[in-house]
Amino acid sequence: MIATYGPVTALTVSGLGEPGGGEHTSAITALYTVAAAMNVPFGPLEGRWWVEDERPPLQVPREQWRWHLHLPLPAVPAEGQMERAREAARPSGAAVDRVQVVTFTEGECVEALHEGPYSDEHLTLAAMQDYMDAHDLVANGLHHEVYLSDLGESDPAKMRTVLRQPVRSAATAQ
């Protein structure tokens, strides 16, 4: 499916390391801690992923994966709101100083709902790539995931993740 996404404002932490590893878990804790201190509604956890390697991303060791984790916000926070939330959350011990507010636009994207364990995402990604090839589209930004399932879901078969890839016409990519 093709969808277009305009500007999104989000709380964000960037990092390096495997999903579920210490760095990744620390970033998630920091995001939720600051979001709770801001007392504003936020969307599901999202991640934008990339590697700095010539190999296809899934061939790169997971500890070398880079990411931006996001909690989408309904609007740009009021001036000083983020700083006050960090100060309020500081006693928690979470890495609150890593949390930033960013706004990004992806534009046109190919996306699909992946149902099942993260380890099977490659199958959905392959179908997305087939669609892109058939429609003369190429990647135009970071791989994006929206985690619809609770992070503590113990049954991988119940996990649901939106996989999204910003794209552009292959003709304009040359």
N, C-alpha and C. Protein backbone atom coordinates (compact mmCIF):
# COMPACT_ATOMS: atom_id res chain seq x y z
N MET A 1 0.83 -1.17 0.00
CA MET A 1 0.00 0.00 0.00
C MET A 1 0.88 1.24 0.00
N ILE A 2 0.44 2.27 -0.70
CA ILE A 2 1.13 3.56 -0.73
C ILE A 2 0.38 4.51 0.20
N ALA A 3 1.13 5.23 1.03
CA ALA A 3 0.57 6.25 1.91
C ALA A 3 1.53 7.42 1.94
N THR A 4 1.03 8.60 2.25
CA THR A 4 1.87 9.79 2.33
C THR A 4 1.82 10.33 3.75
N TYR A 5 2.99 10.64 4.29
CA TYR A 5 3.09 11.13 5.66
C TYR A 5 3.78 12.48 5.68
N GLY A 6 3.06 13.46 6.24
CA GLY A 6 3.57 14.81 6.36
C GLY A 6 4.37 14.96 7.64
N PRO A 7 4.53 16.17 8.07
CA PRO A 7 5.36 16.38 9.27
C PRO A 7 4.80 15.66 10.49
N VAL A 8 5.69 15.01 11.23
CA VAL A 8 5.37 14.34 12.47
C VAL A 8 6.32 14.89 13.53
N THR A 9 5.77 15.32 14.66
CA THR A 9 6.59 15.76 15.77
C THR A 9 6.59 14.64 16.80
N ALA A 10 7.78 14.35 17.34
CA ALA A 10 7.90 13.21 18.25
C ALA A 10 9.00 13.44 19.27
N LEU A 11 8.86 12.77 20.40
CA LEU A 11 9.98 12.63 21.33
C LEU A 11 10.88 11.58 20.71
N THR A 12 12.18 11.80 20.74
CA THR A 12 13.11 10.92 20.03
C THR A 12 14.37 10.68 20.83
N VAL A 13 14.88 9.45 20.76
CA VAL A 13 16.20 9.11 21.24
C VAL A 13 16.89 8.35 20.12
N SER A 14 18.12 8.70 19.82
CA SER A 14 18.90 8.01 18.79
C SER A 14 19.96 7.14 19.45
N GLY A 15 20.31 6.05 18.76
CA GLY A 15 21.31 5.17 19.34
C GLY A 15 21.83 4.15 18.37
N LEU A 16 22.64 3.26 18.92
CA LEU A 16 23.31 2.21 18.17
C LEU A 16 23.21 0.94 19.00
N GLY A 17 22.79 -0.15 18.37
CA GLY A 17 22.77 -1.42 19.07
C GLY A 17 21.57 -2.27 18.71
N GLU A 18 21.64 -3.50 19.14
CA GLU A 18 20.61 -4.45 18.77
C GLU A 18 19.28 -4.17 19.45
N PRO A 19 18.19 -4.46 18.75
CA PRO A 19 16.86 -4.32 19.37
C PRO A 19 16.79 -5.18 20.63
N GLY A 20 16.29 -4.59 21.71
CA GLY A 20 16.18 -5.32 22.96
C GLY A 20 17.44 -5.31 23.80
N GLY A 21 18.54 -4.79 23.25
CA GLY A 21 19.79 -4.70 23.99
C GLY A 21 19.74 -3.57 25.00
N GLY A 22 20.79 -3.42 25.78
CA GLY A 22 20.83 -2.43 26.85
C GLY A 22 20.62 -1.01 26.38
N GLU A 23 21.29 -0.61 25.32
CA GLU A 23 21.16 0.74 24.78
C GLU A 23 19.73 1.01 24.31
N HIS A 24 19.18 0.05 23.61
CA HIS A 24 17.82 0.15 23.07
C HIS A 24 16.81 0.23 24.20
N THR A 25 16.93 -0.63 25.19
CA THR A 25 16.01 -0.64 26.33
C THR A 25 16.10 0.65 27.13
N SER A 26 17.31 1.16 27.32
CA SER A 26 17.51 2.42 28.03
C SER A 26 16.82 3.57 27.30
N ALA A 27 16.91 3.58 25.97
CA ALA A 27 16.28 4.63 25.17
C ALA A 27 14.76 4.58 25.31
N ILE A 28 14.19 3.39 25.27
CA ILE A 28 12.74 3.25 25.41
C ILE A 28 12.28 3.74 26.78
N THR A 29 13.02 3.37 27.81
CA THR A 29 12.68 3.82 29.16
C THR A 29 12.72 5.34 29.25
N ALA A 30 13.74 5.95 28.68
CA ALA A 30 13.87 7.41 28.70
C ALA A 30 12.69 8.07 27.99
N LEU A 31 12.31 7.54 26.83
CA LEU A 31 11.19 8.11 26.07
C LEU A 31 9.89 8.09 26.89
N TYR A 32 9.55 6.92 27.42
CA TYR A 32 8.30 6.80 28.16
C TYR A 32 8.33 7.62 29.45
N THR A 33 9.49 7.74 30.08
CA THR A 33 9.60 8.51 31.32
C THR A 33 9.35 9.99 31.06
N VAL A 34 9.97 10.52 30.00
CA VAL A 34 9.77 11.93 29.67
C VAL A 34 8.35 12.17 29.18
N ALA A 35 7.82 11.27 28.37
CA ALA A 35 6.45 11.43 27.87
C ALA A 35 5.45 11.46 29.03
N ALA A 36 5.64 10.61 30.01
CA ALA A 36 4.75 10.59 31.17
C ALA A 36 4.85 11.91 31.94
N ALA A 37 6.06 12.44 32.07
CA ALA A 37 6.25 13.70 32.79
C ALA A 37 5.66 14.88 32.02
N MET A 38 5.56 14.77 30.70
CA MET A 38 4.96 15.84 29.90
C MET A 38 3.44 15.84 30.04
N ASN A 39 2.88 14.68 30.42
CA ASN A 39 1.44 14.54 30.60
C ASN A 39 0.65 14.93 29.34
N VAL A 40 1.12 14.44 28.19
CA VAL A 40 0.42 14.66 26.92
C VAL A 40 0.19 13.30 26.27
N PRO A 41 -0.85 13.17 25.44
CA PRO A 41 -1.05 11.90 24.74
C PRO A 41 0.06 11.69 23.72
N PHE A 42 0.42 10.45 23.51
CA PHE A 42 1.45 10.14 22.51
C PHE A 42 1.06 8.86 21.79
N GLY A 43 1.62 8.70 20.60
CA GLY A 43 1.32 7.53 19.79
C GLY A 43 2.14 6.33 20.19
N PRO A 44 1.99 5.24 19.44
CA PRO A 44 2.77 4.03 19.75
C PRO A 44 4.26 4.25 19.47
N LEU A 45 5.07 3.44 20.10
CA LEU A 45 6.51 3.49 19.87
C LEU A 45 6.80 3.21 18.41
N GLU A 46 7.73 3.99 17.85
CA GLU A 46 8.14 3.80 16.46
C GLU A 46 9.67 3.78 16.41
N GLY A 47 10.19 3.15 15.39
CA GLY A 47 11.63 3.13 15.19
C GLY A 47 11.97 3.34 13.73
N ARG A 48 12.97 4.16 13.48
CA ARG A 48 13.53 4.32 12.13
C ARG A 48 14.94 3.77 12.20
N TRP A 49 15.26 2.87 11.27
CA TRP A 49 16.47 2.06 11.34
C TRP A 49 17.36 2.25 10.12
N TRP A 50 18.68 2.13 10.31
CA TRP A 50 19.63 2.14 9.20
C TRP A 50 20.95 1.52 9.65
N VAL A 51 21.78 1.23 8.68
CA VAL A 51 23.14 0.75 8.94
C VAL A 51 24.11 1.62 8.15
N GLU A 52 25.32 1.70 8.64
CA GLU A 52 26.37 2.42 7.92
C GLU A 52 27.37 1.36 7.44
N ASP A 53 26.94 0.63 6.43
CA ASP A 53 27.68 -0.52 5.94
C ASP A 53 27.22 -0.76 4.51
N GLU A 54 28.07 -1.31 3.69
CA GLU A 54 27.72 -1.58 2.29
C GLU A 54 26.83 -2.81 2.13
N ARG A 55 26.82 -3.68 3.12
CA ARG A 55 26.02 -4.90 3.04
C ARG A 55 24.54 -4.59 3.18
N PRO A 56 23.68 -5.47 2.69
CA PRO A 56 22.25 -5.31 2.95
C PRO A 56 22.02 -5.28 4.47
N PRO A 57 21.09 -4.44 4.94
CA PRO A 57 20.92 -4.25 6.38
C PRO A 57 20.76 -5.53 7.20
N LEU A 58 20.02 -6.51 6.69
CA LEU A 58 19.80 -7.72 7.48
C LEU A 58 21.02 -8.63 7.54
N GLN A 59 22.08 -8.29 6.77
CA GLN A 59 23.33 -9.04 6.84
C GLN A 59 24.33 -8.39 7.79
N VAL A 60 24.00 -7.22 8.29
CA VAL A 60 24.87 -6.50 9.22
C VAL A 60 24.55 -6.98 10.64
N PRO A 61 25.57 -7.25 11.46
CA PRO A 61 25.29 -7.67 12.84
C PRO A 61 24.39 -6.67 13.55
N ARG A 62 23.44 -7.18 14.31
CA ARG A 62 22.44 -6.33 14.96
C ARG A 62 23.05 -5.30 15.90
N GLU A 63 24.19 -5.60 16.49
CA GLU A 63 24.80 -4.62 17.40
C GLU A 63 25.34 -3.40 16.63
N GLN A 64 25.36 -3.46 15.30
CA GLN A 64 25.79 -2.32 14.47
C GLN A 64 24.60 -1.56 13.88
N TRP A 65 23.39 -1.96 14.21
CA TRP A 65 22.21 -1.26 13.71
C TRP A 65 22.08 0.09 14.40
N ARG A 66 21.70 1.10 13.66
CA ARG A 66 21.47 2.45 14.19
C ARG A 66 19.98 2.74 14.13
N TRP A 67 19.53 3.58 15.07
CA TRP A 67 18.09 3.82 15.14
C TRP A 67 17.77 5.16 15.77
N HIS A 68 16.58 5.63 15.42
CA HIS A 68 15.90 6.71 16.11
C HIS A 68 14.61 6.09 16.63
N LEU A 69 14.38 6.13 17.92
CA LEU A 69 13.12 5.67 18.50
C LEU A 69 12.25 6.89 18.75
N HIS A 70 10.96 6.77 18.47
CA HIS A 70 10.04 7.92 18.56
C HIS A 70 8.77 7.57 19.32
N LEU A 71 8.24 8.59 20.01
CA LEU A 71 6.88 8.58 20.50
C LEU A 71 6.21 9.80 19.89
N PRO A 72 5.36 9.62 18.87
CA PRO A 72 4.70 10.76 18.22
C PRO A 72 3.85 11.57 19.21
N LEU A 73 3.89 12.88 19.04
CA LEU A 73 3.13 13.81 19.87
C LEU A 73 2.02 14.44 19.05
N PRO A 74 0.96 14.92 19.70
CA PRO A 74 -0.13 15.54 18.95
C PRO A 74 0.24 16.91 18.38
N ALA A 75 1.27 17.55 18.95
CA ALA A 75 1.68 18.88 18.50
C ALA A 75 3.09 19.16 19.02
N VAL A 76 3.68 20.21 18.50
CA VAL A 76 4.97 20.65 19.02
C VAL A 76 4.75 21.11 20.47
N PRO A 77 5.58 20.63 21.41
CA PRO A 77 5.39 21.04 22.81
C PRO A 77 5.56 22.55 22.99
N ALA A 78 4.86 23.07 23.98
CA ALA A 78 4.99 24.49 24.31
C ALA A 78 6.43 24.77 24.74
N GLU A 79 6.85 26.00 24.57
CA GLU A 79 8.21 26.38 24.94
C GLU A 79 8.46 26.06 26.42
N GLY A 80 9.53 25.37 26.69
CA GLY A 80 9.92 25.00 28.05
C GLY A 80 9.29 23.72 28.57
N GLN A 81 8.27 23.21 27.90
CA GLN A 81 7.58 22.01 28.37
C GLN A 81 8.51 20.80 28.43
N MET A 82 9.33 20.63 27.41
CA MET A 82 10.26 19.49 27.36
C MET A 82 11.28 19.59 28.50
N GLU A 83 11.83 20.77 28.71
CA GLU A 83 12.83 20.95 29.75
C GLU A 83 12.24 20.68 31.14
N ARG A 84 11.02 21.16 31.36
CA ARG A 84 10.36 20.91 32.65
C ARG A 84 10.11 19.41 32.85
N ALA A 85 9.72 18.74 31.78
CA ALA A 85 9.48 17.29 31.87
C ALA A 85 10.76 16.54 32.18
N ARG A 86 11.86 16.92 31.54
CA ARG A 86 13.14 16.28 31.83
C ARG A 86 13.52 16.45 33.30
N GLU A 87 13.36 17.66 33.81
CA GLU A 87 13.70 17.93 35.21
C GLU A 87 12.82 17.12 36.14
N ALA A 88 11.54 17.04 35.84
CA ALA A 88 10.61 16.26 36.67
C ALA A 88 10.96 14.77 36.63
N ALA A 89 11.44 14.30 35.51
CA ALA A 89 11.74 12.87 35.33
C ALA A 89 13.15 12.48 35.77
N ARG A 90 14.01 13.46 35.97
CA ARG A 90 15.42 13.18 36.30
C ARG A 90 15.58 12.24 37.50
N PRO A 91 14.80 12.38 38.59
CA PRO A 91 14.97 11.47 39.73
C PRO A 91 14.73 10.00 39.40
N SER A 92 14.08 9.71 38.29
CA SER A 92 13.80 8.32 37.91
C SER A 92 15.07 7.55 37.58
N GLY A 93 16.13 8.27 37.25
CA GLY A 93 17.36 7.61 36.84
C GLY A 93 17.42 7.29 35.36
N ALA A 94 16.32 7.53 34.64
CA ALA A 94 16.30 7.29 33.18
C ALA A 94 17.20 8.33 32.51
N ALA A 95 17.68 7.99 31.34
CA ALA A 95 18.59 8.86 30.58
C ALA A 95 17.79 9.97 29.89
N VAL A 96 17.14 10.81 30.68
CA VAL A 96 16.20 11.81 30.15
C VAL A 96 16.88 12.86 29.28
N ASP A 97 18.15 13.11 29.48
CA ASP A 97 18.84 14.12 28.68
C ASP A 97 19.03 13.68 27.23
N ARG A 98 18.85 12.41 26.95
CA ARG A 98 18.97 11.91 25.58
C ARG A 98 17.72 12.19 24.75
N VAL A 99 16.62 12.49 25.41
CA VAL A 99 15.35 12.68 24.71
C VAL A 99 15.30 14.07 24.09
N GLN A 100 14.97 14.10 22.81
CA GLN A 100 14.85 15.34 22.04
C GLN A 100 13.46 15.41 21.43
N VAL A 101 13.08 16.59 20.98
CA VAL A 101 11.86 16.74 20.18
C VAL A 101 12.31 16.98 18.75
N VAL A 102 11.80 16.18 17.83
CA VAL A 102 12.13 16.34 16.42
C VAL A 102 10.85 16.36 15.60
N THR A 103 10.93 16.97 14.42
CA THR A 103 9.85 16.93 13.44
C THR A 103 10.46 16.42 12.15
N PHE A 104 9.81 15.43 11.55
CA PHE A 104 10.32 14.87 10.29
C PHE A 104 9.16 14.59 9.35
N THR A 105 9.46 14.55 8.06
CA THR A 105 8.49 14.26 7.02
C THR A 105 9.03 13.12 6.17
N GLU A 106 8.22 12.12 5.93
CA GLU A 106 8.66 11.00 5.08
C GLU A 106 8.12 11.09 3.67
N GLY A 107 6.98 11.72 3.46
CA GLY A 107 6.40 11.80 2.13
C GLY A 107 5.78 10.48 1.73
N GLU A 108 5.90 10.14 0.45
CA GLU A 108 5.29 8.91 -0.06
C GLU A 108 6.03 7.69 0.46
N CYS A 109 5.26 6.70 0.91
CA CYS A 109 5.82 5.48 1.51
C CYS A 109 5.08 4.24 1.03
N VAL A 110 5.81 3.15 0.96
CA VAL A 110 5.20 1.83 0.81
C VAL A 110 5.14 1.27 2.22
N GLU A 111 3.97 0.74 2.61
CA GLU A 111 3.88 0.18 3.95
C GLU A 111 3.02 -1.07 3.94
N ALA A 112 3.27 -1.90 4.94
CA ALA A 112 2.53 -3.15 5.08
C ALA A 112 2.44 -3.49 6.57
N LEU A 113 1.38 -4.19 6.93
CA LEU A 113 1.23 -4.68 8.30
C LEU A 113 1.91 -6.04 8.38
N HIS A 114 2.87 -6.15 9.29
CA HIS A 114 3.52 -7.44 9.54
C HIS A 114 2.90 -8.03 10.80
N GLU A 115 2.40 -9.26 10.69
CA GLU A 115 1.84 -9.96 11.84
C GLU A 115 2.73 -11.15 12.14
N GLY A 116 3.23 -11.19 13.36
CA GLY A 116 4.12 -12.27 13.76
C GLY A 116 5.41 -11.74 14.35
N PRO A 117 6.35 -12.64 14.60
CA PRO A 117 7.60 -12.25 15.26
C PRO A 117 8.46 -11.33 14.38
N TYR A 118 9.26 -10.51 15.06
CA TYR A 118 10.19 -9.63 14.35
C TYR A 118 11.12 -10.44 13.46
N SER A 119 11.46 -11.64 13.87
CA SER A 119 12.40 -12.46 13.10
C SER A 119 11.85 -12.84 11.73
N ASP A 120 10.54 -12.69 11.52
CA ASP A 120 9.94 -12.99 10.22
C ASP A 120 9.67 -11.74 9.38
N GLU A 121 10.07 -10.57 9.88
CA GLU A 121 9.82 -9.34 9.12
C GLU A 121 10.44 -9.37 7.73
N HIS A 122 11.52 -10.11 7.57
CA HIS A 122 12.18 -10.16 6.27
C HIS A 122 11.23 -10.63 5.17
N LEU A 123 10.25 -11.45 5.52
CA LEU A 123 9.29 -11.92 4.52
C LEU A 123 8.39 -10.77 4.05
N THR A 124 7.93 -9.96 4.98
CA THR A 124 7.10 -8.81 4.62
C THR A 124 7.94 -7.77 3.88
N LEU A 125 9.17 -7.59 4.32
CA LEU A 125 10.07 -6.64 3.63
C LEU A 125 10.34 -7.08 2.20
N ALA A 126 10.47 -8.37 1.97
CA ALA A 126 10.68 -8.88 0.61
C ALA A 126 9.46 -8.59 -0.26
N ALA A 127 8.27 -8.77 0.29
CA ALA A 127 7.04 -8.46 -0.47
C ALA A 127 6.97 -6.97 -0.77
N MET A 128 7.38 -6.14 0.18
CA MET A 128 7.39 -4.70 -0.06
C MET A 128 8.39 -4.35 -1.17
N GLN A 129 9.55 -5.00 -1.15
CA GLN A 129 10.55 -4.74 -2.19
C GLN A 129 10.03 -5.18 -3.56
N ASP A 130 9.34 -6.30 -3.62
CA ASP A 130 8.73 -6.75 -4.88
C ASP A 130 7.75 -5.70 -5.40
N TYR A 131 6.94 -5.16 -4.50
CA TYR A 131 5.98 -4.11 -4.88
C TYR A 131 6.72 -2.89 -5.41
N MET A 132 7.78 -2.49 -4.71
CA MET A 132 8.56 -1.32 -5.15
C MET A 132 9.15 -1.57 -6.54
N ASP A 133 9.71 -2.75 -6.75
CA ASP A 133 10.29 -3.08 -8.05
C ASP A 133 9.23 -3.04 -9.15
N ALA A 134 8.07 -3.59 -8.87
CA ALA A 134 6.99 -3.65 -9.86
C ALA A 134 6.44 -2.27 -10.22
N HIS A 135 6.59 -1.32 -9.29
CA HIS A 135 6.06 0.03 -9.50
C HIS A 135 7.16 1.06 -9.73
N ASP A 136 8.37 0.57 -10.02
CA ASP A 136 9.51 1.44 -10.36
C ASP A 136 9.80 2.46 -9.25
N LEU A 137 9.83 1.96 -8.01
CA LEU A 137 10.10 2.80 -6.84
C LEU A 137 11.40 2.37 -6.18
N VAL A 138 12.09 3.33 -5.56
CA VAL A 138 13.31 3.05 -4.81
C VAL A 138 13.19 3.69 -3.43
N ALA A 139 13.95 3.15 -2.49
CA ALA A 139 13.95 3.69 -1.13
C ALA A 139 14.40 5.15 -1.14
N ASN A 140 13.76 5.94 -0.27
CA ASN A 140 14.06 7.36 -0.18
C ASN A 140 14.02 7.82 1.27
N GLY A 141 14.68 7.08 2.13
CA GLY A 141 14.70 7.42 3.55
C GLY A 141 14.88 6.17 4.39
N LEU A 142 14.81 6.35 5.68
CA LEU A 142 15.06 5.27 6.63
C LEU A 142 13.90 4.30 6.73
N HIS A 143 14.22 3.02 6.89
CA HIS A 143 13.23 1.99 7.18
C HIS A 143 12.53 2.39 8.48
N HIS A 144 11.20 2.27 8.52
CA HIS A 144 10.41 2.76 9.64
C HIS A 144 9.48 1.65 10.12
N GLU A 145 9.40 1.49 11.43
CA GLU A 145 8.52 0.51 12.03
C GLU A 145 7.64 1.18 13.07
N VAL A 146 6.36 0.81 13.10
CA VAL A 146 5.41 1.29 14.10
C VAL A 146 4.96 0.05 14.88
N TYR A 147 5.25 0.03 16.17
CA TYR A 147 4.99 -1.15 17.01
C TYR A 147 3.59 -1.06 17.60
N LEU A 148 2.66 -1.80 17.02
CA LEU A 148 1.27 -1.76 17.44
C LEU A 148 1.01 -2.64 18.66
N SER A 149 1.85 -3.62 18.88
CA SER A 149 1.67 -4.55 20.00
C SER A 149 2.38 -4.02 21.24
N ASP A 150 1.90 -4.44 22.38
CA ASP A 150 2.56 -4.11 23.64
C ASP A 150 3.98 -4.68 23.60
N LEU A 151 4.95 -3.90 24.09
CA LEU A 151 6.34 -4.35 24.07
C LEU A 151 6.56 -5.61 24.89
N GLY A 152 5.68 -5.86 25.84
CA GLY A 152 5.81 -7.05 26.68
C GLY A 152 5.08 -8.26 26.14
N GLU A 153 4.54 -8.18 24.92
CA GLU A 153 3.80 -9.31 24.34
C GLU A 153 4.69 -10.56 24.35
N SER A 154 4.21 -11.61 24.98
CA SER A 154 5.03 -12.83 25.11
C SER A 154 4.77 -13.83 23.98
N ASP A 155 3.69 -13.65 23.24
CA ASP A 155 3.37 -14.57 22.15
C ASP A 155 3.73 -13.90 20.83
N PRO A 156 4.87 -14.26 20.22
CA PRO A 156 5.31 -13.61 18.99
C PRO A 156 4.27 -13.67 17.87
N ALA A 157 3.42 -14.68 17.86
CA ALA A 157 2.40 -14.80 16.82
C ALA A 157 1.38 -13.66 16.89
N LYS A 158 1.25 -13.02 18.06
CA LYS A 158 0.27 -11.94 18.24
C LYS A 158 0.87 -10.56 17.95
N MET A 159 2.13 -10.49 17.65
CA MET A 159 2.78 -9.20 17.44
C MET A 159 2.36 -8.59 16.10
N ARG A 160 2.13 -7.27 16.13
CA ARG A 160 1.72 -6.54 14.92
C ARG A 160 2.61 -5.31 14.78
N THR A 161 3.21 -5.16 13.60
CA THR A 161 4.12 -4.06 13.33
C THR A 161 3.84 -3.51 11.94
N VAL A 162 3.67 -2.20 11.83
CA VAL A 162 3.57 -1.56 10.52
C VAL A 162 5.00 -1.35 10.03
N LEU A 163 5.30 -1.86 8.85
CA LEU A 163 6.61 -1.64 8.22
C LEU A 163 6.42 -0.60 7.14
N ARG A 164 7.28 0.41 7.14
CA ARG A 164 7.11 1.54 6.22
C ARG A 164 8.46 1.88 5.59
N GLN A 165 8.43 2.13 4.27
CA GLN A 165 9.64 2.55 3.56
C GLN A 165 9.33 3.77 2.71
N PRO A 166 9.90 4.95 3.06
CA PRO A 166 9.75 6.10 2.17
C PRO A 166 10.33 5.75 0.79
N VAL A 167 9.65 6.22 -0.27
CA VAL A 167 10.06 5.89 -1.64
C VAL A 167 9.98 7.10 -2.55
N ARG A 168 10.59 6.93 -3.72
CA ARG A 168 10.46 7.90 -4.82
C ARG A 168 10.57 7.11 -6.10
N SER A 169 10.21 7.72 -7.18
CA SER A 169 10.29 7.07 -8.48
C SER A 169 11.74 6.76 -8.81
N ALA A 170 11.98 5.59 -9.35
CA ALA A 170 13.36 5.21 -9.74
C ALA A 170 13.85 6.16 -10.85
N ALA A 171 12.95 6.68 -11.66
CA ALA A 171 13.36 7.58 -12.73
C ALA A 171 13.95 8.87 -12.19
N THR A 172 13.47 9.36 -11.04
CA THR A 172 14.01 10.60 -10.47
C THR A 172 15.22 10.32 -9.60
N ALA A 173 15.53 9.07 -9.35
CA ALA A 173 16.67 8.73 -8.49
C ALA A 173 17.99 8.77 -9.25
N GLN A 174 17.94 8.83 -10.56
CA GLN A 174 19.18 8.75 -11.35
C GLN A 174 19.85 10.08 -11.51
